[in-house]
Structures are given as C-alpha cells and as structure tokens.
Protein backbone atom coordinates (compact mmCIF):
# COMPACT_ATOMS: atom_id res chain seq x y z
CA UNK A 1 -28.40 -14.84 15.59
CA UNK A 2 -29.71 -18.10 14.15
CA UNK A 3 -27.89 -20.77 12.24
CA UNK A 4 -28.65 -19.55 8.78
CA UNK A 5 -27.68 -15.96 9.63
CA UNK A 6 -24.28 -17.17 10.98
CA UNK A 7 -23.60 -19.11 7.81
CA UNK A 8 -24.66 -16.21 5.58
CA UNK A 9 -22.42 -13.68 7.48
CA UNK A 10 -19.37 -15.97 7.27
CA UNK A 11 -20.03 -16.74 3.69
CA UNK A 12 -20.22 -12.98 2.83
CA UNK A 13 -17.02 -12.05 4.54
CA UNK A 14 -15.25 -14.96 2.98
CA UNK A 15 -16.58 -14.05 -0.42
CA UNK A 16 -15.46 -10.50 -0.05
CA UNK A 17 -12.04 -11.46 1.08
CA UNK A 18 -11.66 -14.16 -1.51
CA UNK A 19 -12.70 -11.72 -4.24
CA UNK A 20 -10.10 -9.23 -3.05
CA UNK A 21 -7.33 -11.78 -2.88
CA UNK A 22 -8.32 -13.09 -6.38
CA UNK A 23 -8.10 -9.56 -7.92
CA UNK A 24 -4.77 -8.93 -6.10
CA UNK A 25 -3.31 -12.20 -7.46
CA UNK A 26 -4.57 -11.44 -10.94
CA UNK A 27 -3.09 -8.00 -10.86
CA UNK A 28 0.21 -9.25 -9.65
CA UNK A 29 0.37 -11.71 -12.48
CA UNK A 30 -0.50 -8.98 -14.95
CA UNK A 31 2.17 -6.71 -13.38
CA UNK A 32 4.90 -9.39 -13.79
CA UNK A 33 3.88 -10.00 -17.44
CA UNK A 34 3.74 -6.25 -18.13
CA UNK A 35 7.24 -5.83 -16.74
CA UNK A 36 8.71 -8.80 -18.78
CA UNK A 37 6.98 -7.46 -21.98
CA UNK A 38 8.43 -3.93 -21.42
CA UNK A 39 11.90 -5.50 -21.05
CA UNK A 40 11.43 -7.61 -24.20
CA UNK A 41 10.17 -4.57 -26.14
CA UNK A 42 13.23 -2.55 -24.96
CA UNK A 43 15.62 -5.20 -26.10
CA UNK A 44 13.99 -5.32 -29.54
CA UNK A 45 13.91 -1.48 -29.87
CA UNK A 46 17.61 -1.32 -28.92
CA UNK A 47 18.44 -3.14 -32.13
CA UNK A 48 17.74 0.14 -34.00
CA UNK A 49 20.30 2.22 -32.01
CA UNK A 50 24.08 2.49 -32.49
CA UNK A 51 26.13 -0.58 -31.61
CA UNK A 52 27.53 0.94 -28.42
CA UNK A 53 24.13 1.88 -27.09
CA UNK A 54 22.43 -1.35 -28.22
CA UNK A 55 25.17 -3.40 -26.47
CA UNK A 56 24.94 -1.46 -23.27
CA UNK A 57 21.14 -1.62 -23.09
CA UNK A 58 20.95 -5.32 -23.81
CA UNK A 59 23.69 -6.07 -21.34
CA UNK A 60 21.76 -4.17 -18.62
CA UNK A 61 18.55 -5.84 -19.40
CA UNK A 62 20.18 -9.26 -18.92
CA UNK A 63 21.65 -8.15 -15.72
CA UNK A 64 18.38 -6.87 -14.54
CA UNK A 65 16.54 -10.15 -15.50
CA UNK A 66 19.25 -12.15 -13.71
CA UNK A 67 18.83 -9.96 -10.58
CA UNK A 68 15.02 -10.34 -10.61
CA UNK A 69 15.12 -14.08 -10.90
CA UNK A 70 18.07 -14.79 -8.47
CA UNK A 71 17.53 -12.02 -5.91
CA UNK A 72 14.10 -10.42 -6.06
CA UNK A 73 11.98 -13.65 -6.39
CA UNK A 74 13.60 -15.43 -3.37
CA UNK A 75 13.32 -12.35 -1.27
CA UNK A 76 9.57 -11.99 -2.26
CA UNK A 77 9.06 -15.57 -1.48
CA UNK A 78 10.46 -15.02 2.01
CA UNK A 79 8.09 -12.02 2.49
CA UNK A 80 10.77 -9.30 2.20
CA UNK A 81 9.54 -5.72 2.71
CA UNK A 82 9.88 -2.92 0.21
CA UNK A 83 12.68 -1.44 2.25
CA UNK A 84 14.75 -4.68 1.93
CA UNK A 85 18.19 -3.63 0.56
CA UNK A 86 18.24 -6.77 -1.71
CA UNK A 87 15.51 -5.15 -4.05
CA UNK A 88 17.95 -2.22 -4.54
CA UNK A 89 20.16 -4.08 -7.03
CA UNK A 90 17.50 -4.47 -9.71
CA UNK A 91 16.24 -0.92 -9.09
CA UNK A 92 19.77 0.46 -9.57
CA UNK A 93 20.06 -1.33 -12.92
CA UNK A 94 16.98 0.28 -14.23
CA UNK A 95 18.05 3.73 -12.94
CA UNK A 96 21.39 3.25 -14.56
CA UNK A 97 19.75 2.47 -17.92
CA UNK A 98 17.63 5.58 -17.68
CA UNK A 99 20.57 7.73 -16.78
CA UNK A 100 22.61 6.22 -19.59
CA UNK A 101 20.01 7.05 -22.10
CA UNK A 102 19.50 10.53 -20.74
CA UNK A 103 23.08 11.31 -21.40
CA UNK A 104 23.01 10.42 -25.04
CA UNK A 105 23.61 13.23 -27.73
CA UNK A 106 20.61 15.21 -28.96
CA UNK A 107 20.98 13.71 -32.46
CA UNK A 108 20.06 10.34 -30.89
CA UNK A 109 17.42 11.20 -28.41
CA UNK A 110 15.33 12.88 -31.06
CA UNK A 111 14.73 9.73 -32.80
CA UNK A 112 11.31 8.13 -32.34
CA UNK A 113 12.81 4.80 -31.56
CA UNK A 114 14.85 6.32 -28.73
CA UNK A 115 11.73 7.77 -27.11
CA UNK A 116 9.98 4.35 -27.46
CA UNK A 117 12.89 2.62 -25.83
CA UNK A 118 12.97 5.05 -22.92
CA UNK A 119 9.24 4.64 -22.47
CA UNK A 120 9.64 0.88 -22.27
CA UNK A 121 12.25 1.10 -19.63
CA UNK A 122 10.17 3.51 -17.56
CA UNK A 123 7.23 1.14 -17.95
CA UNK A 124 9.44 -1.68 -16.70
CA UNK A 125 10.38 0.35 -13.64
CA UNK A 126 6.78 1.25 -12.86
CA UNK A 127 5.86 -2.39 -13.12
CA UNK A 128 8.75 -3.46 -10.91
CA UNK A 129 7.54 -1.02 -8.10
CA UNK A 130 4.01 -2.45 -8.53
CA UNK A 131 5.35 -6.06 -8.39
CA UNK A 132 7.25 -5.31 -5.13
CA UNK A 133 4.18 -3.69 -3.61
CA UNK A 134 1.93 -6.67 -4.61
CA UNK A 135 4.43 -9.00 -2.94
CA UNK A 136 3.44 -7.42 0.45
CA UNK A 137 -0.26 -7.20 -0.18
CA UNK A 138 -2.64 -9.42 1.66
CA UNK A 139 -5.34 -9.54 4.27
CA UNK A 140 -4.64 -7.24 7.26
CA UNK A 141 -4.68 -8.35 10.89
CA UNK A 142 -7.96 -6.45 11.36
CA UNK A 143 -9.63 -8.52 8.57
CA UNK A 144 -8.29 -11.86 10.00
CA UNK A 145 -9.68 -10.90 13.49
CA UNK A 146 -13.04 -10.02 11.99
CA UNK A 147 -13.21 -13.30 10.17
CA UNK A 148 -12.29 -15.23 13.22
CA UNK A 149 -14.93 -13.51 15.27
CA UNK A 150 -17.61 -14.05 12.73
CA UNK A 151 -16.75 -17.62 12.12
CA UNK A 152 -16.50 -18.39 15.83
CA UNK A 153 -19.83 -16.69 16.55
CA UNK A 154 -21.56 -18.57 13.67
CA UNK A 155 -20.15 -21.92 14.96
CA UNK A 156 -21.48 -21.04 18.47
CA UNK A 157 -24.76 -20.17 17.00
CA UNK A 158 -25.01 -23.47 15.12
CA UNK A 159 -24.23 -25.45 18.16
CA UNK A 160 -26.87 -23.50 20.16
CA UNK A 161 -29.54 -23.91 17.66
CA UNK A 162 -29.10 -27.73 17.51
CA UNK A 163 -29.09 -28.39 21.26
CA UNK A 164 -32.30 -30.34 20.84
CA UNK A 165 -30.37 -33.16 19.16
CA UNK A 166 -26.78 -34.13 20.04
CA UNK A 167 -26.25 -36.00 16.78
CA UNK A 168 -27.52 -33.05 14.71
CA UNK A 169 -25.31 -30.62 16.86
CA UNK A 170 -22.18 -32.59 16.30
CA UNK A 171 -22.96 -33.13 12.59
CA UNK A 172 -23.65 -29.41 11.95
CA UNK A 173 -20.76 -28.07 13.86
CA UNK A 174 -18.33 -30.51 12.29
CA UNK A 175 -19.58 -29.73 8.82
CA UNK A 176 -19.37 -25.93 9.45
CA UNK A 177 -15.87 -26.38 10.83
CA UNK A 178 -14.83 -28.32 7.76
CA UNK A 179 -16.15 -25.62 5.42
CA UNK A 180 -14.61 -22.86 7.39
CA UNK A 181 -11.27 -24.59 7.39
CA UNK A 182 -11.45 -25.01 3.73
CA UNK A 183 -12.22 -21.35 3.24
CA UNK A 184 -9.32 -20.27 5.48
CA UNK A 185 -6.98 -22.71 3.61
CA UNK A 186 -7.98 -21.20 0.26
CA UNK A 187 -7.41 -17.59 1.60
CA UNK A 188 -4.10 -18.49 3.14
CA UNK A 189 -2.96 -20.17 -0.06
CA UNK A 190 -3.64 -17.11 -2.17
CA UNK A 191 -3.19 -14.35 0.29
CA UNK A 192 0.48 -13.67 -0.70
CA UNK A 193 0.83 -14.07 -4.56
CA UNK A 194 4.63 -14.63 -4.50
CA UNK A 195 4.71 -17.00 -1.46
CA UNK A 196 3.93 -20.77 -1.39
CA UNK A 197 3.94 -23.71 -3.77
CA UNK A 198 1.14 -22.32 -5.91
CA UNK A 199 2.79 -18.71 -5.99
CA UNK A 200 3.59 -16.74 -9.15
CA UNK A 201 6.81 -17.97 -10.73
CA UNK A 202 9.34 -15.82 -12.65
CA UNK A 203 8.58 -17.82 -15.89
CA UNK A 204 8.19 -14.67 -18.02
CA UNK A 205 11.71 -13.43 -16.88
CA UNK A 206 13.30 -16.88 -17.25
CA UNK A 207 12.16 -17.03 -20.90
CA UNK A 208 13.84 -13.59 -21.46
CA UNK A 209 16.99 -14.88 -19.72
CA UNK A 210 17.08 -17.87 -22.01
CA UNK A 211 16.94 -15.70 -25.14
C-alpha cells in the first residue's frame, strides 16, 4: 500500500460513512417535522367535530406535545433505547386518542373529516416510532473498527513512504492525522441526530405547544 492508496481508502470509507450519517440526520429532521405537521393537522381537523370530541382530541394533543418536549427529547439526548419506559407515556397518549375515536358512534365516524383526523393521528404515531428509531441510529462498532484499521494503516503507510526525509515524514503524518481527526470529529458530531449541541431540537413541537 503506498501513500496515495492509503489516503484514497480512508477518504472513501469516510465519504460513505458521512453520506450515510447525513442521510440519517436529514431523515430524522423530516420525521420530526412530519410528526409535528400531523399533530397540527389533527388539531385543525378536530374543529369540525362535536365540542366534546374536539375538546378531548385537542387536550390529548397538547398533553402529547408536552410529553414529547419534556420527556422524550431529554431521554433521546441521553441515548435512551426504544425499550425505555419513559417513551411509553407519549405512545400511550396516541393510543388513547385512537381508541377514543374508534369508540365514536357510526354517525360520526362516517364523516370524511373524521377519517382524515384518524389518519393524521396514525401518521403521527408512525412518525413517532420512526423518530425513536432514528434516535438510536448511528455507526456500528464494526464500522468504527474498520475506519480505525484503515486510518491507522494509511498513517503507517505514509510514514513508511517518507522514511527518506524526516521532515517530510513528520509533516505528512501530522497533516494526515489532522485531516483524520477532523473527519472523525464530523462523524461523531452527526452520528446521533438527537445528541449533542448541534442536535435536532424540538422546535416544531414547541411551536405547537405555544399555540
């Protein structure tokens, strides 16, 4: 393996990893927005239903948004798993809404607006599941090991290829180490979309909460 081959190999694996992380982050953001949009649509659609149903649905939506912002997000930021009981509260609220609508009289559930409302709540639940799954996505240990092996091998190859000049060897290895460190920093910063200072924030839900 020569110097250029080592650099190319490391660049390729970083590029593939970064592309996957970027797509995961983008999908996570879209999932959050889709969930918030579904809840907002449900709140608007509820206006066309009887007062008792409208009040119950909007109350549950507010409770769900509060649960997502105050419970789900802190747990996701801590790297909570899907089996974490803390995520059950928001899930139960959605299930309660679905059960409440399923027990409405036939005269109500035959209305087009009722079906649209139920579909939005189901869409919110699907997006919730996708959001929680995205919070646990990231590079696997196998991928990390592969990147470490390749980057270490490339660094060793660069050092060997420049043994004819100590100054060139030191310069090349330090430059490569700097580039590799920057690449790892970017991957680590975006590996988990809901963890870290540049993570996805619950702004879409906070705007619903304020309404």
